[in-house]
PDB file of N, CA and C in Angstrom:
ATOM      1  N   MET A   1     -17.028 -22.814  -7.783  1.00  0.00           N
ATOM      2  CA  MET A   1     -17.454 -21.970  -6.531  1.00  0.00           C
ATOM      3  C   MET A   1     -17.876 -21.193  -7.575  1.00  0.00           C
ATOM      4  N   THR A   2     -19.250 -20.967  -6.699  1.00  0.00           N
ATOM      5  CA  THR A   2     -20.321 -20.028  -7.344  1.00  0.00           C
ATOM      6  C   THR A   2     -19.835 -18.488  -6.444  1.00  0.00           C
ATOM      7  N   ILE A   3     -19.901 -17.704  -7.187  1.00  0.00           N
ATOM      8  CA  ILE A   3     -20.376 -16.199  -6.279  1.00  0.00           C
ATOM      9  C   ILE A   3     -21.415 -15.763  -6.458  1.00  0.00           C
ATOM     10  N   SER A   4     -22.215 -15.284  -5.361  1.00  0.00           N
ATOM     11  CA  SER A   4     -23.520 -15.211  -4.401  1.00  0.00           C
ATOM     12  C   SER A   4     -23.847 -13.800  -5.093  1.00  0.00           C
ATOM     13  N   PRO A   5     -25.053 -13.048  -5.577  1.00  0.00           N
ATOM     14  CA  PRO A   5     -24.958 -11.658  -5.703  1.00  0.00           C
ATOM     15  C   PRO A   5     -24.604 -11.079  -4.329  1.00  0.00           C
ATOM     16  N   ILE A   6     -24.710 -11.489  -3.060  1.00  0.00           N
ATOM     17  CA  ILE A   6     -23.800 -10.705  -1.742  1.00  0.00           C
ATOM     18  C   ILE A   6     -22.538 -10.971  -1.899  1.00  0.00           C
ATOM     19  N   ASP A   7     -22.143 -11.555  -2.735  1.00  0.00           N
ATOM     20  CA  ASP A   7     -20.347 -11.128  -2.660  1.00  0.00           C
ATOM     21  C   ASP A   7     -20.024 -10.228  -3.529  1.00  0.00           C
ATOM     22  N   TRP A   8     -20.859 -10.281  -5.121  1.00  0.00           N
ATOM     23  CA  TRP A   8     -20.506  -8.733  -5.706  1.00  0.00           C
ATOM     24  C   TRP A   8     -21.287  -7.775  -4.957  1.00  0.00           C
ATOM     25  N   ALA A   9     -21.766  -7.775  -3.956  1.00  0.00           N
ATOM     26  CA  ALA A   9     -22.442  -6.714  -3.324  1.00  0.00           C
ATOM     27  C   ALA A   9     -21.313  -5.922  -2.498  1.00  0.00           C
ATOM     28  N   ILE A  10     -20.714  -6.832  -2.270  1.00  0.00           N
ATOM     29  CA  ILE A  10     -19.544  -6.789  -1.301  1.00  0.00           C
ATOM     30  C   ILE A  10     -18.378  -5.988  -2.209  1.00  0.00           C
ATOM     31  N   VAL A  11     -18.001  -6.966  -3.360  1.00  0.00           N
ATOM     32  CA  VAL A  11     -17.194  -6.639  -4.169  1.00  0.00           C
ATOM     33  C   VAL A  11     -17.516  -4.804  -4.439  1.00  0.00           C
ATOM     34  N   ALA A  12     -18.808  -4.671  -4.785  1.00  0.00           N
ATOM     35  CA  ALA A  12     -18.908  -3.510  -6.021  1.00  0.00           C
ATOM     36  C   ALA A  12     -18.915  -1.947  -4.769  1.00  0.00           C
ATOM     37  N   ALA A  13     -19.503  -2.868  -3.063  1.00  0.00           N
ATOM     38  CA  ALA A  13     -19.318  -1.399  -2.251  1.00  0.00           C
ATOM     39  C   ALA A  13     -17.784  -1.748  -1.827  1.00  0.00           C
ATOM     40  N   TYR A  14     -16.718  -2.017  -1.953  1.00  0.00           N
ATOM     41  CA  TYR A  14     -15.375  -1.998  -1.709  1.00  0.00           C
ATOM     42  C   TYR A  14     -15.117  -1.056  -2.735  1.00  0.00           C
ATOM     43  N   PHE A  15     -15.696  -1.330  -4.213  1.00  0.00           N
ATOM     44  CA  PHE A  15     -14.838  -0.270  -5.264  1.00  0.00           C
ATOM     45  C   PHE A  15     -15.121   1.032  -5.188  1.00  0.00           C
ATOM     46  N   LEU A  16     -16.648   1.025  -5.080  1.00  0.00           N
ATOM     47  CA  LEU A  16     -17.501   2.310  -4.642  1.00  0.00           C
ATOM     48  C   LEU A  16     -16.383   3.720  -3.498  1.00  0.00           C
ATOM     49  N   LEU A  17     -16.535   2.451  -2.200  1.00  0.00           N
ATOM     50  CA  LEU A  17     -16.051   3.318  -1.448  1.00  0.00           C
ATOM     51  C   LEU A  17     -14.550   3.621  -1.723  1.00  0.00           C
ATOM     52  N   SER A  18     -13.412   2.729  -2.423  1.00  0.00           N
ATOM     53  CA  SER A  18     -12.041   2.994  -2.932  1.00  0.00           C
ATOM     54  C   SER A  18     -12.622   4.012  -3.627  1.00  0.00           C
ATOM     55  N   THR A  19     -13.254   3.827  -4.496  1.00  0.00           N
ATOM     56  CA  THR A  19     -13.490   5.283  -5.755  1.00  0.00           C
ATOM     57  C   THR A  19     -13.428   6.855  -5.002  1.00  0.00           C
ATOM     58  N   ALA A  20     -14.352   6.634  -3.945  1.00  0.00           N
ATOM     59  CA  ALA A  20     -14.780   8.227  -3.006  1.00  0.00           C
ATOM     60  C   ALA A  20     -13.857   8.374  -2.536  1.00  0.00           C
ATOM     61  N   ILE A  21     -13.302   7.541  -1.445  1.00  0.00           N
ATOM     62  CA  ILE A  21     -11.905   7.800  -1.003  1.00  0.00           C
ATOM     63  C   ILE A  21     -10.959   8.462  -1.825  1.00  0.00           C
ATOM     64  N   GLY A  22     -10.596   8.077  -2.593  1.00  0.00           N
ATOM     65  CA  GLY A  22      -9.713   8.639  -3.901  1.00  0.00           C
ATOM     66  C   GLY A  22      -9.985  10.052  -4.646  1.00  0.00           C
ATOM     67  N   LEU A  23     -11.216   9.877  -4.843  1.00  0.00           N
ATOM     68  CA  LEU A  23     -11.871  11.162  -5.592  1.00  0.00           C
ATOM     69  C   LEU A  23     -11.573  12.590  -4.288  1.00  0.00           C
ATOM     70  N   TYR A  24     -12.038  12.408  -3.073  1.00  0.00           N
ATOM     71  CA  TYR A  24     -12.156  13.516  -2.121  1.00  0.00           C
ATOM     72  C   TYR A  24     -10.712  13.184  -1.846  1.00  0.00           C
ATOM     73  N   PHE A  25      -9.638  12.645  -1.854  1.00  0.00           N
ATOM     74  CA  PHE A  25      -8.783  13.389  -1.656  1.00  0.00           C
ATOM     75  C   PHE A  25      -7.911  14.005  -2.810  1.00  0.00           C
ATOM     76  N   THR A  26      -8.113  13.444  -3.686  1.00  0.00           N
ATOM     77  CA  THR A  26      -7.688  14.067  -5.325  1.00  0.00           C
ATOM     78  C   THR A  26      -8.111  15.411  -5.079  1.00  0.00           C
ATOM     79  N   ARG A  27      -9.235  15.588  -4.923  1.00  0.00           N
ATOM     80  CA  ARG A  27      -9.696  17.316  -4.524  1.00  0.00           C
ATOM     81  C   ARG A  27      -8.605  17.841  -3.317  1.00  0.00           C
ATOM     82  N   ARG A  28      -8.257  17.279  -2.483  1.00  0.00           N
ATOM     83  CA  ARG A  28      -7.891  17.956  -1.618  1.00  0.00           C
ATOM     84  C   ARG A  28      -6.208  18.028  -1.684  1.00  0.00           C
ATOM     85  N   GLY A  29      -6.013  17.039  -2.475  1.00  0.00           N
ATOM     86  CA  GLY A  29      -4.125  17.224  -2.655  1.00  0.00           C
ATOM     87  C   GLY A  29      -4.051  18.018  -4.258  1.00  0.00           C
ATOM     88  N   GLY A  30      -5.011  18.089  -5.113  1.00  0.00           N
ATOM     89  CA  GLY A  30      -4.826  19.035  -5.649  1.00  0.00           C
ATOM     90  C   GLY A  30      -4.689  20.536  -5.603  1.00  0.00           C
ATOM     91  N   GLU A  31      -5.014  20.725  -4.258  1.00  0.00           N
ATOM     92  CA  GLU A  31      -4.911  21.877  -4.252  1.00  0.00           C
ATOM     93  C   GLU A  31      -3.450  23.049  -4.522  1.00  0.00           C
ATOM     94  N   SER A  32      -2.586  22.162  -4.066  1.00  0.00           N
ATOM     95  CA  SER A  32      -0.991  22.830  -4.344  1.00  0.00           C
ATOM     96  C   SER A  32       0.332  21.435  -4.023  1.00  0.00           C
ATOM     97  N   LEU A  33       1.503  21.812  -4.694  1.00  0.00           N
ATOM     98  CA  LEU A  33       1.930  20.085  -4.273  1.00  0.00           C
ATOM     99  C   LEU A  33       2.602  20.160  -3.120  1.00  0.00           C
ATOM    100  N   ASP A  34       2.922  20.999  -2.235  1.00  0.00           N
ATOM    101  CA  ASP A  34       2.933  20.718  -0.541  1.00  0.00           C
ATOM    102  C   ASP A  34       1.335  20.079  -0.269  1.00  0.00           C
ATOM    103  N   GLN A  35       0.320  20.640  -0.558  1.00  0.00           N
ATOM    104  CA  GLN A  35      -0.707  19.794  -0.058  1.00  0.00           C
ATOM    105  C   GLN A  35      -0.543  18.269  -0.638  1.00  0.00           C
ATOM    106  N   TYR A  36      -0.243  17.969  -1.748  1.00  0.00           N
ATOM    107  CA  TYR A  36      -0.213  16.315  -2.590  1.00  0.00           C
ATOM    108  C   TYR A  36       0.886  15.919  -1.868  1.00  0.00           C
ATOM    109  N   PHE A  37       2.247  16.379  -1.528  1.00  0.00           N
ATOM    110  CA  PHE A  37       3.284  15.450  -1.151  1.00  0.00           C
ATOM    111  C   PHE A  37       3.592  15.491   0.241  1.00  0.00           C
ATOM    112  N   LEU A  38       3.184  16.592   0.952  1.00  0.00           N
ATOM    113  CA  LEU A  38       3.554  17.005   1.834  1.00  0.00           C
ATOM    114  C   LEU A  38       2.337  16.835   3.249  1.00  0.00           C
ATOM    115  N   SER A  39       1.005  16.819   2.336  1.00  0.00           N
ATOM    116  CA  SER A  39       0.061  16.639   2.956  1.00  0.00           C
ATOM    117  C   SER A  39      -0.125  17.938   4.054  1.00  0.00           C
ATOM    118  N   GLY A  40       0.280  19.135   3.092  1.00  0.00           N
ATOM    119  CA  GLY A  40       0.270  20.421   3.755  1.00  0.00           C
ATOM    120  C   GLY A  40       0.920  20.354   4.696  1.00  0.00           C
ATOM    121  N   ARG A  41       2.057  20.043   5.360  1.00  0.00           N
ATOM    122  CA  ARG A  41       2.710  20.124   6.495  1.00  0.00           C
ATOM    123  C   ARG A  41       2.096  19.829   7.511  1.00  0.00           C
ATOM    124  N   GLN A  42       1.582  19.244   7.550  1.00  0.00           N
ATOM    125  CA  GLN A  42       0.067  19.256   9.144  1.00  0.00           C
ATOM    126  C   GLN A  42       0.169  17.560   9.174  1.00  0.00           C
ATOM    127  N   ALA A  43       0.786  16.548   8.667  1.00  0.00           N
ATOM    128  CA  ALA A  43       0.579  15.146   9.256  1.00  0.00           C
ATOM    129  C   ALA A  43       2.220  15.225  10.588  1.00  0.00           C
ATOM    130  N   PRO A  44       1.566  14.237  11.285  1.00  0.00           N
ATOM    131  CA  PRO A  44       1.966  14.042  12.552  1.00  0.00           C
ATOM    132  C   PRO A  44       3.352  13.347  12.406  1.00  0.00           C
ATOM    133  N   TRP A  45       4.677  13.744  12.983  1.00  0.00           N
ATOM    134  CA  TRP A  45       5.782  12.943  13.252  1.00  0.00           C
ATOM    135  C   TRP A  45       5.721  11.492  13.126  1.00  0.00           C
ATOM    136  N   TRP A  46       4.409  10.894  14.014  1.00  0.00           N
ATOM    137  CA  TRP A  46       4.379   9.241  13.607  1.00  0.00           C
ATOM    138  C   TRP A  46       3.762   8.898  12.592  1.00  0.00           C
ATOM    139  N   LEU A  47       2.982  10.053  12.379  1.00  0.00           N
ATOM    140  CA  LEU A  47       2.446   9.180  10.921  1.00  0.00           C
ATOM    141  C   LEU A  47       3.522   9.129   9.568  1.00  0.00           C
ATOM    142  N   ALA A  48       4.280  10.258   9.648  1.00  0.00           N
ATOM    143  CA  ALA A  48       5.197  10.579   8.589  1.00  0.00           C
ATOM    144  C   ALA A  48       6.308   9.354   8.658  1.00  0.00           C
ATOM    145  N   GLY A  49       6.626   8.936  10.026  1.00  0.00           N
ATOM    146  CA  GLY A  49       7.437   8.054  10.073  1.00  0.00           C
ATOM    147  C   GLY A  49       7.275   7.052   9.934  1.00  0.00           C
ATOM    148  N   THR A  50       5.739   5.776  10.105  1.00  0.00           N
ATOM    149  CA  THR A  50       5.323   5.189   9.881  1.00  0.00           C
ATOM    150  C   THR A  50       5.197   4.908   8.193  1.00  0.00           C
ATOM    151  N   ALA A  51       4.982   5.901   7.595  1.00  0.00           N
ATOM    152  CA  ALA A  51       4.842   5.834   6.347  1.00  0.00           C
ATOM    153  C   ALA A  51       6.481   5.386   5.445  1.00  0.00           C
ATOM    154  N   MET A  52       7.127   5.958   6.176  1.00  0.00           N
ATOM    155  CA  MET A  52       8.518   5.897   5.667  1.00  0.00           C
ATOM    156  C   MET A  52       8.989   4.417   6.169  1.00  0.00           C
ATOM    157  N   VAL A  53       8.650   4.471   6.898  1.00  0.00           N
ATOM    158  CA  VAL A  53       8.563   2.642   7.140  1.00  0.00           C
ATOM    159  C   VAL A  53       8.166   1.862   6.435  1.00  0.00           C
ATOM    160  N   ALA A  54       7.084   2.079   6.288  1.00  0.00           N
ATOM    161  CA  ALA A  54       6.530   0.802   5.648  1.00  0.00           C
ATOM    162  C   ALA A  54       6.668   0.672   4.137  1.00  0.00           C
ATOM    163  N   THR A  55       7.105   2.007   3.388  1.00  0.00           N
ATOM    164  CA  THR A  55       7.559   2.208   2.429  1.00  0.00           C
ATOM    165  C   THR A  55       8.797   1.325   1.597  1.00  0.00           C
ATOM    166  N   THR A  56       9.700   1.302   3.186  1.00  0.00           N
ATOM    167  CA  THR A  56      10.779   0.797   3.176  1.00  0.00           C
ATOM    168  C   THR A  56      10.897  -0.538   2.888  1.00  0.00           C
ATOM    169  N   PHE A  57       9.832  -0.890   3.620  1.00  0.00           N
ATOM    170  CA  PHE A  57       9.499  -2.430   4.227  1.00  0.00           C
ATOM    171  C   PHE A  57       8.860  -3.042   2.351  1.00  0.00           C
ATOM    172  N   ALA A  58       8.491  -2.337   2.015  1.00  0.00           N
ATOM    173  CA  ALA A  58       7.691  -2.461   0.850  1.00  0.00           C
ATOM    174  C   ALA A  58       8.474  -2.828  -0.483  1.00  0.00           C
ATOM    175  N   ALA A  59       9.671  -1.574  -0.655  1.00  0.00           N
ATOM    176  CA  ALA A  59      10.611  -1.766  -1.564  1.00  0.00           C
ATOM    177  C   ALA A  59      11.781  -2.481  -1.414  1.00  0.00           C
ATOM    178  N   ASP A  60      12.464  -3.163  -0.224  1.00  0.00           N
ATOM    179  CA  ASP A  60      12.980  -3.592  -0.089  1.00  0.00           C
ATOM    180  C   ASP A  60      13.016  -5.348   0.052  1.00  0.00           C
ATOM    181  N   THR A  61      11.973  -5.312   0.579  1.00  0.00           N
ATOM    182  CA  THR A  61      11.951  -6.990   1.213  1.00  0.00           C
ATOM    183  C   THR A  61      11.534  -7.761   0.230  1.00  0.00           C
ATOM    184  N   PRO A  62      10.819  -7.428  -0.791  1.00  0.00           N
ATOM    185  CA  PRO A  62      10.545  -8.631  -2.165  1.00  0.00           C
ATOM    186  C   PRO A  62      11.910  -8.510  -2.715  1.00  0.00           C
ATOM    187  N   LEU A  63      12.885  -7.605  -3.177  1.00  0.00           N
ATOM    188  CA  LEU A  63      14.092  -7.631  -3.583  1.00  0.00           C
ATOM    189  C   LEU A  63      15.103  -8.551  -2.700  1.00  0.00           C
ATOM    190  N   VAL A  64      15.054  -8.549  -1.436  1.00  0.00           N
ATOM    191  CA  VAL A  64      15.579  -9.363  -0.509  1.00  0.00           C
ATOM    192  C   VAL A  64      15.662 -10.151  -0.410  1.00  0.00           C
ATOM    193  N   VAL A  65      14.119 -10.752  -0.500  1.00  0.00           N
ATOM    194  CA  VAL A  65      13.585 -12.353  -0.663  1.00  0.00           C
ATOM    195  C   VAL A  65      13.939 -12.812  -1.845  1.00  0.00           C
ATOM    196  N   ALA A  66      13.777 -12.435  -2.758  1.00  0.00           N
ATOM    197  CA  ALA A  66      14.530 -13.081  -3.895  1.00  0.00           C
ATOM    198  C   ALA A  66      15.336 -13.443  -4.394  1.00  0.00           C
ATOM    199  N   GLY A  67      16.589 -12.221  -4.152  1.00  0.00           N
ATOM    200  CA  GLY A  67      18.072 -12.630  -3.695  1.00  0.00           C
ATOM    201  C   GLY A  67      18.265 -13.523  -3.148  1.00  0.00           C
ATOM    202  N   LEU A  68      17.533 -13.704  -2.038  1.00  0.00           N
ATOM    203  CA  LEU A  68      18.131 -15.057  -1.284  1.00  0.00           C
ATOM    204  C   LEU A  68      17.869 -16.516  -1.757  1.00  0.00           C
ATOM    205  N   VAL A  69      16.434 -15.997  -2.503  1.00  0.00           N
ATOM    206  CA  VAL A  69      15.940 -17.476  -3.114  1.00  0.00           C
ATOM    207  C   VAL A  69      16.868 -17.697  -4.304  1.00  0.00           C
ATOM    208  N   ALA A  70      17.220 -16.972  -4.799  1.00  0.00           N
ATOM    209  CA  ALA A  70      18.141 -16.932  -6.172  1.00  0.00           C
ATOM    210  C   ALA A  70      19.504 -17.358  -6.003  1.00  0.00           C
ATOM    211  N   THR A  71      20.489 -17.105  -5.080  1.00  0.00           N
ATOM    212  CA  THR A  71      21.740 -17.436  -4.367  1.00  0.00           C
ATOM    213  C   THR A  71      21.571 -18.457  -3.512  1.00  0.00           C
ATOM    214  N   LEU A  72      20.570 -18.697  -2.607  1.00  0.00           N
ATOM    215  CA  LEU A  72      20.681 -19.109  -1.184  1.00  0.00           C
ATOM    216  C   LEU A  72      19.970 -21.008  -1.405  1.00  0.00           C
ATOM    217  N   PRO A  73      20.593 -22.095  -1.175  1.00  0.00           N
ATOM    218  CA  PRO A  73      20.221 -23.649  -1.102  1.00  0.00           C
ATOM    219  C   PRO A  73      18.928 -23.173  -0.517  1.00  0.00           C
ATOM    220  N   LEU A  74      18.005 -22.720  -0.364  1.00  0.00           N
ATOM    221  CA  LEU A  74      16.648 -22.778   0.564  1.00  0.00           C
ATOM    222  C   LEU A  74      16.039 -24.197   0.720  1.00  0.00           C
ATOM    223  N   GLY A  75      15.773 -24.688   1.811  1.00  0.00           N
ATOM    224  CA  GLY A  75      15.253 -25.851   2.072  1.00  0.00           C
ATOM    225  C   GLY A  75      16.033 -26.943   1.949  1.00  0.00           C
ATOM    226  N   ALA A  76      17.563 -26.759   1.381  1.00  0.00           N
ATOM    227  CA  ALA A  76      18.153 -28.125   1.563  1.00  0.00           C
ATOM    228  C   ALA A  76      18.946 -28.099   2.683  1.00  0.00           C
ATOM    229  N   PRO A  77      19.299 -29.484   3.206  1.00  0.00           N
ATOM    230  CA  PRO A  77      20.174 -29.048   3.798  1.00  0.00           C
ATOM    231  C   PRO A  77      21.794 -28.808   4.411  1.00  0.00           C
ATOM    232  N   PRO A  78      21.820 -27.804   5.088  1.00  0.00           N
ATOM    233  CA  PRO A  78      23.191 -27.374   5.402  1.00  0.00           C
ATOM    234  C   PRO A  78      24.445 -28.208   5.103  1.00  0.00           C
ATOM    235  N   HIS A  79      25.694 -27.787   4.605  1.00  0.00           N
ATOM    236  CA  HIS A  79      26.126 -28.592   4.414  1.00  0.00           C
ATOM    237  C   HIS A  79      27.380 -28.861   5.496  1.00  0.00           C
TER     238      HIS A  79
END
């Protein structure tokens, strides 16, 4: 598989956009600790709730799945 110049351009654009967004929010979040950790206490309730749920899934799901794979005979017929 050969990566064409358009592929490299897309990857470069992605990294440039990600860097620009990060720099923008770094400046905004650097105003105070409240601004950095709590979004200046201006985030709507649904956004804060969605972030908490997403964080829980991101942290717990891989651990649970790894535990199930390690302890259960997955793919084996039931006894």
